[in-house]
Amino acid sequence: MRVMVFIKENAESETGVLPDEKILTAMNNYNEALVKAGVMLAGEGLHPSSKGKRVRFEGGKKTVIDGPFAETKELIAGFWLWQVKSMDEAMEWLKRAPFDGGVEIELRQVMENDEITTMTPELKEKNERLRTQVVANAKR
């Protein structure tokens, strides 16, 4: 199963303060363990919301909203995409993460094609072709 791991924004990360060398070294070591175990599929940190935008789709209209966004506890500072056997395994990996200071992490299972019961066989086939193409594009 794939799990998306969301690292929530905090006041420090939202102002653009970068982690120090000690934190970056610990995180790099942790990421290395995830990669060696075949768990980590992707992972990135994000710029603060002041550099972001949102788009609201409503009634056929598209409204662009410039950052920064008010509720930092609802924002994402970074993410991982993991391949694990279970949510329990994901939790065990997360407990090893070098976080402190009240950082909040959210884990959510990625919905796979076979779980979407309303998807026709044709749409499933097309979706799988697109996923294969995405993987090929990432290798460039």
N, C-alpha and C. Protein backbone atom coordinates (compact mmCIF):
# COMPACT_ATOMS: atom_id res chain seq x y z
N MET A 1 0.84 -1.18 0.00
CA MET A 1 0.00 0.00 0.00
C MET A 1 0.88 1.24 0.00
N ARG A 2 0.36 2.29 -0.61
CA ARG A 2 1.09 3.56 -0.59
C ARG A 2 0.45 4.48 0.44
N VAL A 3 1.31 5.23 1.10
CA VAL A 3 0.86 6.16 2.14
C VAL A 3 1.49 7.53 1.85
N MET A 4 0.68 8.56 1.90
CA MET A 4 1.16 9.93 1.78
C MET A 4 1.36 10.45 3.19
N VAL A 5 2.54 10.98 3.45
CA VAL A 5 2.89 11.51 4.76
C VAL A 5 3.02 13.02 4.63
N PHE A 6 2.15 13.73 5.32
CA PHE A 6 2.13 15.20 5.26
C PHE A 6 2.81 15.78 6.49
N ILE A 7 3.82 16.60 6.29
CA ILE A 7 4.46 17.31 7.39
C ILE A 7 3.80 18.68 7.45
N LYS A 8 3.15 18.95 8.58
CA LYS A 8 2.38 20.18 8.71
C LYS A 8 3.31 21.38 8.90
N GLU A 9 2.85 22.50 8.41
CA GLU A 9 3.56 23.77 8.54
C GLU A 9 3.56 24.21 9.99
N ASN A 10 4.59 24.96 10.37
CA ASN A 10 4.58 25.61 11.68
C ASN A 10 5.03 27.06 11.48
N ALA A 11 5.01 27.85 12.52
CA ALA A 11 5.32 29.28 12.39
C ALA A 11 6.71 29.50 11.79
N GLU A 12 7.67 28.66 12.18
CA GLU A 12 9.04 28.81 11.68
C GLU A 12 9.13 28.50 10.19
N SER A 13 8.60 27.37 9.79
CA SER A 13 8.69 26.98 8.38
C SER A 13 7.87 27.91 7.49
N GLU A 14 6.78 28.44 8.02
CA GLU A 14 5.93 29.34 7.23
C GLU A 14 6.61 30.68 6.98
N THR A 15 7.54 31.08 7.83
CA THR A 15 8.27 32.34 7.59
C THR A 15 9.46 32.13 6.67
N GLY A 16 9.71 30.89 6.27
CA GLY A 16 10.80 30.61 5.35
C GLY A 16 12.12 30.29 6.03
N VAL A 17 12.11 30.14 7.36
CA VAL A 17 13.32 29.78 8.08
C VAL A 17 13.69 28.33 7.72
N LEU A 18 14.91 28.15 7.24
CA LEU A 18 15.34 26.82 6.84
C LEU A 18 15.92 26.07 8.03
N PRO A 19 15.82 24.75 8.02
CA PRO A 19 16.40 23.95 9.12
C PRO A 19 17.92 24.12 9.16
N ASP A 20 18.49 23.98 10.35
CA ASP A 20 19.95 24.10 10.46
C ASP A 20 20.62 22.79 10.01
N GLU A 21 21.95 22.80 9.98
CA GLU A 21 22.71 21.65 9.48
C GLU A 21 22.45 20.39 10.29
N LYS A 22 22.31 20.53 11.60
CA LYS A 22 22.06 19.37 12.46
C LYS A 22 20.74 18.68 12.09
N ILE A 23 19.71 19.47 11.90
CA ILE A 23 18.39 18.93 11.53
C ILE A 23 18.45 18.32 10.13
N LEU A 24 19.10 19.02 9.20
CA LEU A 24 19.19 18.51 7.83
C LEU A 24 19.97 17.20 7.78
N THR A 25 21.01 17.08 8.57
CA THR A 25 21.80 15.84 8.62
C THR A 25 20.95 14.70 9.16
N ALA A 26 20.22 14.94 10.24
CA ALA A 26 19.35 13.91 10.82
C ALA A 26 18.27 13.49 9.82
N MET A 27 17.69 14.47 9.12
CA MET A 27 16.63 14.16 8.16
C MET A 27 17.21 13.40 6.96
N ASN A 28 18.40 13.78 6.54
CA ASN A 28 19.04 13.09 5.43
C ASN A 28 19.33 11.63 5.80
N ASN A 29 19.80 11.39 7.02
CA ASN A 29 20.05 10.02 7.48
C ASN A 29 18.76 9.21 7.53
N TYR A 30 17.70 9.84 7.99
CA TYR A 30 16.39 9.18 8.05
C TYR A 30 15.90 8.83 6.64
N ASN A 31 16.01 9.80 5.73
CA ASN A 31 15.59 9.56 4.34
C ASN A 31 16.40 8.42 3.73
N GLU A 32 17.69 8.39 4.03
CA GLU A 32 18.56 7.32 3.52
C GLU A 32 18.07 5.95 3.99
N ALA A 33 17.67 5.85 5.25
CA ALA A 33 17.14 4.59 5.79
C ALA A 33 15.84 4.20 5.07
N LEU A 34 14.98 5.19 4.81
CA LEU A 34 13.73 4.93 4.09
C LEU A 34 14.02 4.41 2.68
N VAL A 35 14.96 5.04 2.00
CA VAL A 35 15.31 4.64 0.64
C VAL A 35 15.91 3.24 0.62
N LYS A 36 16.86 2.98 1.53
CA LYS A 36 17.50 1.65 1.58
C LYS A 36 16.50 0.54 1.86
N ALA A 37 15.46 0.86 2.62
CA ALA A 37 14.43 -0.14 2.94
C ALA A 37 13.38 -0.27 1.84
N GLY A 38 13.48 0.56 0.81
CA GLY A 38 12.50 0.52 -0.28
C GLY A 38 11.16 1.14 0.08
N VAL A 39 11.14 1.96 1.12
CA VAL A 39 9.90 2.57 1.59
C VAL A 39 9.62 3.89 0.87
N MET A 40 10.63 4.73 0.74
CA MET A 40 10.42 6.08 0.20
C MET A 40 10.34 6.07 -1.32
N LEU A 41 9.20 6.52 -1.85
CA LEU A 41 9.01 6.67 -3.29
C LEU A 41 9.27 8.10 -3.74
N ALA A 42 8.98 9.05 -2.86
CA ALA A 42 9.19 10.47 -3.15
C ALA A 42 9.17 11.22 -1.83
N GLY A 43 9.71 12.42 -1.86
CA GLY A 43 9.68 13.27 -0.67
C GLY A 43 10.28 14.62 -1.00
N GLU A 44 9.61 15.67 -0.57
CA GLU A 44 10.06 17.03 -0.84
C GLU A 44 9.59 17.98 0.25
N GLY A 45 10.37 19.03 0.45
CA GLY A 45 9.94 20.15 1.28
C GLY A 45 9.30 21.20 0.38
N LEU A 46 8.45 22.01 0.94
CA LEU A 46 7.74 23.03 0.16
C LEU A 46 8.09 24.43 0.65
N HIS A 47 8.03 25.38 -0.27
CA HIS A 47 8.21 26.78 0.09
C HIS A 47 7.03 27.23 0.95
N PRO A 48 7.18 28.33 1.71
CA PRO A 48 6.06 28.82 2.52
C PRO A 48 4.89 29.27 1.64
N SER A 49 3.73 29.35 2.26
CA SER A 49 2.51 29.70 1.51
C SER A 49 2.57 31.09 0.91
N SER A 50 3.46 31.94 1.39
CA SER A 50 3.58 33.28 0.80
C SER A 50 4.00 33.20 -0.67
N LYS A 51 4.59 32.08 -1.07
CA LYS A 51 4.98 31.88 -2.46
C LYS A 51 3.98 31.02 -3.21
N GLY A 52 2.85 30.72 -2.56
CA GLY A 52 1.86 29.83 -3.16
C GLY A 52 0.62 30.54 -3.65
N LYS A 53 -0.21 29.77 -4.30
CA LYS A 53 -1.50 30.25 -4.78
C LYS A 53 -2.52 29.14 -4.58
N ARG A 54 -3.77 29.54 -4.50
CA ARG A 54 -4.88 28.60 -4.47
C ARG A 54 -5.83 29.00 -5.59
N VAL A 55 -6.55 28.01 -6.08
CA VAL A 55 -7.57 28.29 -7.09
C VAL A 55 -8.87 27.70 -6.58
N ARG A 56 -9.90 28.55 -6.51
CA ARG A 56 -11.24 28.10 -6.10
C ARG A 56 -12.08 27.94 -7.35
N PHE A 57 -12.67 26.74 -7.51
CA PHE A 57 -13.54 26.44 -8.63
C PHE A 57 -14.97 26.44 -8.11
N GLU A 58 -15.79 27.33 -8.63
CA GLU A 58 -17.17 27.42 -8.13
C GLU A 58 -18.06 28.03 -9.21
N GLY A 59 -19.15 27.33 -9.52
CA GLY A 59 -20.12 27.85 -10.47
C GLY A 59 -19.52 28.19 -11.83
N GLY A 60 -18.56 27.40 -12.27
CA GLY A 60 -17.93 27.65 -13.56
C GLY A 60 -16.84 28.72 -13.52
N LYS A 61 -16.67 29.37 -12.36
CA LYS A 61 -15.64 30.40 -12.23
C LYS A 61 -14.40 29.81 -11.55
N LYS A 62 -13.27 30.39 -11.90
CA LYS A 62 -12.00 30.02 -11.27
C LYS A 62 -11.41 31.27 -10.65
N THR A 63 -11.25 31.26 -9.33
CA THR A 63 -10.73 32.42 -8.62
C THR A 63 -9.36 32.08 -8.05
N VAL A 64 -8.36 32.90 -8.39
CA VAL A 64 -7.00 32.70 -7.89
C VAL A 64 -6.83 33.50 -6.60
N ILE A 65 -6.30 32.83 -5.59
CA ILE A 65 -6.05 33.46 -4.29
C ILE A 65 -4.55 33.37 -4.03
N ASP A 66 -3.92 34.51 -3.85
CA ASP A 66 -2.49 34.56 -3.58
C ASP A 66 -2.21 34.31 -2.11
N GLY A 67 -1.08 33.61 -1.84
CA GLY A 67 -0.63 33.42 -0.46
C GLY A 67 -0.07 34.72 0.06
N PRO A 68 0.22 34.80 1.34
CA PRO A 68 0.20 33.71 2.31
C PRO A 68 -1.22 33.39 2.78
N PHE A 69 -1.36 32.19 3.34
CA PHE A 69 -2.64 31.72 3.82
C PHE A 69 -2.63 31.72 5.34
N ALA A 70 -3.77 32.05 5.93
CA ALA A 70 -3.84 32.35 7.36
C ALA A 70 -3.60 31.15 8.29
N GLU A 71 -4.24 30.04 8.05
CA GLU A 71 -4.22 28.92 8.99
C GLU A 71 -2.99 28.04 8.79
N THR A 72 -1.89 28.35 9.47
CA THR A 72 -0.66 27.57 9.27
C THR A 72 -0.84 26.12 9.69
N LYS A 73 -1.70 25.82 10.64
CA LYS A 73 -1.87 24.44 11.07
C LYS A 73 -2.54 23.58 10.00
N GLU A 74 -3.11 24.21 8.99
CA GLU A 74 -3.74 23.49 7.90
C GLU A 74 -2.84 23.37 6.67
N LEU A 75 -1.65 23.99 6.72
CA LEU A 75 -0.75 24.01 5.58
C LEU A 75 0.26 22.86 5.65
N ILE A 76 0.82 22.53 4.50
CA ILE A 76 1.78 21.45 4.39
C ILE A 76 3.17 22.04 4.15
N ALA A 77 4.14 21.62 4.95
CA ALA A 77 5.52 22.09 4.80
C ALA A 77 6.33 21.15 3.92
N GLY A 78 5.89 19.90 3.82
CA GLY A 78 6.58 18.91 3.01
C GLY A 78 5.81 17.61 3.01
N PHE A 79 6.32 16.64 2.26
CA PHE A 79 5.60 15.36 2.17
C PHE A 79 6.57 14.25 1.80
N TRP A 80 6.13 13.04 2.08
CA TRP A 80 6.75 11.82 1.58
C TRP A 80 5.65 10.98 0.94
N LEU A 81 6.03 10.17 -0.01
CA LEU A 81 5.17 9.11 -0.51
C LEU A 81 5.90 7.81 -0.21
N TRP A 82 5.27 6.94 0.57
CA TRP A 82 5.90 5.70 1.03
C TRP A 82 5.16 4.48 0.48
N GLN A 83 5.91 3.41 0.28
CA GLN A 83 5.36 2.10 -0.05
C GLN A 83 5.59 1.21 1.16
N VAL A 84 4.51 0.79 1.80
CA VAL A 84 4.60 -0.03 3.01
C VAL A 84 3.59 -1.18 2.93
N LYS A 85 3.72 -2.12 3.85
CA LYS A 85 2.78 -3.25 3.88
C LYS A 85 1.48 -2.90 4.59
N SER A 86 1.57 -1.94 5.53
CA SER A 86 0.38 -1.61 6.33
C SER A 86 0.55 -0.21 6.94
N MET A 87 -0.53 0.31 7.45
CA MET A 87 -0.47 1.59 8.15
C MET A 87 0.36 1.45 9.42
N ASP A 88 0.31 0.28 10.03
CA ASP A 88 1.15 0.04 11.22
C ASP A 88 2.63 0.15 10.88
N GLU A 89 3.04 -0.40 9.74
CA GLU A 89 4.44 -0.27 9.33
C GLU A 89 4.80 1.21 9.10
N ALA A 90 3.89 1.94 8.47
CA ALA A 90 4.12 3.38 8.25
C ALA A 90 4.29 4.10 9.58
N MET A 91 3.47 3.76 10.55
CA MET A 91 3.57 4.39 11.87
C MET A 91 4.91 4.06 12.52
N GLU A 92 5.37 2.82 12.36
CA GLU A 92 6.67 2.44 12.93
C GLU A 92 7.79 3.25 12.29
N TRP A 93 7.73 3.44 10.98
CA TRP A 93 8.74 4.27 10.32
C TRP A 93 8.66 5.71 10.80
N LEU A 94 7.45 6.22 10.92
CA LEU A 94 7.29 7.62 11.32
C LEU A 94 7.81 7.86 12.73
N LYS A 95 7.65 6.90 13.61
CA LYS A 95 8.13 7.05 14.98
C LYS A 95 9.65 7.20 15.05
N ARG A 96 10.34 6.80 13.99
CA ARG A 96 11.80 6.94 13.93
C ARG A 96 12.24 8.30 13.38
N ALA A 97 11.30 9.09 12.90
CA ALA A 97 11.63 10.38 12.26
C ALA A 97 12.22 11.34 13.28
N PRO A 98 13.18 12.17 12.84
CA PRO A 98 13.87 13.09 13.75
C PRO A 98 13.12 14.40 13.97
N PHE A 99 11.84 14.31 14.31
CA PHE A 99 11.05 15.52 14.56
C PHE A 99 10.95 15.80 16.05
N ASP A 100 10.68 17.07 16.37
CA ASP A 100 10.49 17.50 17.75
C ASP A 100 9.75 18.84 17.69
N GLY A 101 9.54 19.42 18.83
CA GLY A 101 8.99 20.78 18.89
C GLY A 101 7.54 20.91 18.49
N GLY A 102 6.76 19.85 18.64
CA GLY A 102 5.33 19.96 18.35
C GLY A 102 4.96 19.80 16.89
N VAL A 103 5.90 19.34 16.05
CA VAL A 103 5.60 19.11 14.64
C VAL A 103 4.49 18.06 14.54
N GLU A 104 3.53 18.32 13.67
CA GLU A 104 2.41 17.40 13.49
C GLU A 104 2.51 16.76 12.11
N ILE A 105 2.35 15.44 12.07
CA ILE A 105 2.44 14.68 10.83
C ILE A 105 1.12 13.95 10.61
N GLU A 106 0.67 13.96 9.38
CA GLU A 106 -0.56 13.24 9.02
C GLU A 106 -0.22 12.17 8.00
N LEU A 107 -0.75 10.97 8.18
CA LEU A 107 -0.57 9.88 7.23
C LEU A 107 -1.92 9.52 6.64
N ARG A 108 -1.94 9.36 5.31
CA ARG A 108 -3.18 8.96 4.65
C ARG A 108 -2.87 7.93 3.57
N GLN A 109 -3.66 6.89 3.54
CA GLN A 109 -3.49 5.86 2.52
C GLN A 109 -3.88 6.42 1.16
N VAL A 110 -3.07 6.11 0.15
CA VAL A 110 -3.36 6.52 -1.22
C VAL A 110 -4.41 5.57 -1.78
N MET A 111 -5.42 6.12 -2.43
CA MET A 111 -6.47 5.30 -3.02
C MET A 111 -5.95 4.72 -4.34
N GLU A 112 -6.02 3.41 -4.47
CA GLU A 112 -5.55 2.73 -5.66
C GLU A 112 -6.72 2.52 -6.63
N ASN A 113 -6.40 2.31 -7.90
CA ASN A 113 -7.42 2.15 -8.93
C ASN A 113 -8.47 1.10 -8.57
N ASP A 114 -8.02 -0.04 -8.05
CA ASP A 114 -8.97 -1.13 -7.78
C ASP A 114 -9.92 -0.81 -6.63
N GLU A 115 -9.65 0.26 -5.90
CA GLU A 115 -10.55 0.67 -4.81
C GLU A 115 -11.65 1.61 -5.30
N ILE A 116 -11.49 2.14 -6.51
CA ILE A 116 -12.47 3.08 -7.06
C ILE A 116 -13.48 2.27 -7.85
N THR A 117 -14.55 1.88 -7.18
CA THR A 117 -15.52 0.95 -7.77
C THR A 117 -16.34 1.58 -8.90
N THR A 118 -16.36 2.89 -9.00
CA THR A 118 -17.11 3.55 -10.06
C THR A 118 -16.30 3.70 -11.35
N MET A 119 -15.03 3.30 -11.33
CA MET A 119 -14.17 3.44 -12.51
C MET A 119 -14.41 2.27 -13.47
N THR A 120 -14.70 2.58 -14.72
CA THR A 120 -14.91 1.54 -15.73
C THR A 120 -13.59 0.86 -16.07
N PRO A 121 -13.65 -0.33 -16.64
CA PRO A 121 -12.41 -1.00 -17.06
C PRO A 121 -11.58 -0.14 -18.03
N GLU A 122 -12.25 0.58 -18.91
CA GLU A 122 -11.54 1.43 -19.87
C GLU A 122 -10.80 2.55 -19.15
N LEU A 123 -11.44 3.17 -18.17
CA LEU A 123 -10.81 4.24 -17.40
C LEU A 123 -9.65 3.70 -16.56
N LYS A 124 -9.83 2.51 -15.99
CA LYS A 124 -8.74 1.89 -15.21
C LYS A 124 -7.52 1.65 -16.10
N GLU A 125 -7.76 1.13 -17.32
CA GLU A 125 -6.67 0.86 -18.25
C GLU A 125 -5.96 2.17 -18.63
N LYS A 126 -6.73 3.19 -18.92
CA LYS A 126 -6.14 4.48 -19.29
C LYS A 126 -5.35 5.06 -18.11
N ASN A 127 -5.92 4.95 -16.92
CA ASN A 127 -5.25 5.47 -15.72
C ASN A 127 -3.92 4.75 -15.50
N GLU A 128 -3.90 3.44 -15.69
CA GLU A 128 -2.66 2.67 -15.53
C GLU A 128 -1.62 3.08 -16.56
N ARG A 129 -2.05 3.34 -17.81
CA ARG A 129 -1.12 3.81 -18.84
C ARG A 129 -0.52 5.16 -18.44
N LEU A 130 -1.36 6.04 -17.91
CA LEU A 130 -0.88 7.35 -17.47
C LEU A 130 0.12 7.22 -16.33
N ARG A 131 -0.16 6.34 -15.37
CA ARG A 131 0.77 6.12 -14.25
C ARG A 131 2.12 5.60 -14.75
N THR A 132 2.08 4.68 -15.71
CA THR A 132 3.32 4.17 -16.29
C THR A 132 4.10 5.29 -16.97
N GLN A 133 3.39 6.16 -17.66
CA GLN A 133 4.03 7.29 -18.33
C GLN A 133 4.64 8.26 -17.31
N VAL A 134 3.94 8.48 -16.20
CA VAL A 134 4.46 9.36 -15.15
C VAL A 134 5.77 8.81 -14.61
N VAL A 135 5.83 7.51 -14.35
CA VAL A 135 7.05 6.88 -13.85
C VAL A 135 8.17 7.05 -14.87
N ALA A 136 7.86 6.84 -16.15
CA ALA A 136 8.88 7.00 -17.19
C ALA A 136 9.36 8.45 -17.25
N ASN A 137 8.45 9.39 -17.13
CA ASN A 137 8.82 10.81 -17.15
C ASN A 137 9.73 11.16 -15.98
N ALA A 138 9.48 10.56 -14.83
CA ALA A 138 10.27 10.86 -13.63
C ALA A 138 11.71 10.35 -13.76
N LYS A 139 11.92 9.37 -14.63
CA LYS A 139 13.26 8.80 -14.80
C LYS A 139 14.13 9.62 -15.75
N ARG A 140 13.54 10.61 -16.42
CA ARG A 140 14.31 11.43 -17.36
C ARG A 140 15.28 12.34 -16.65
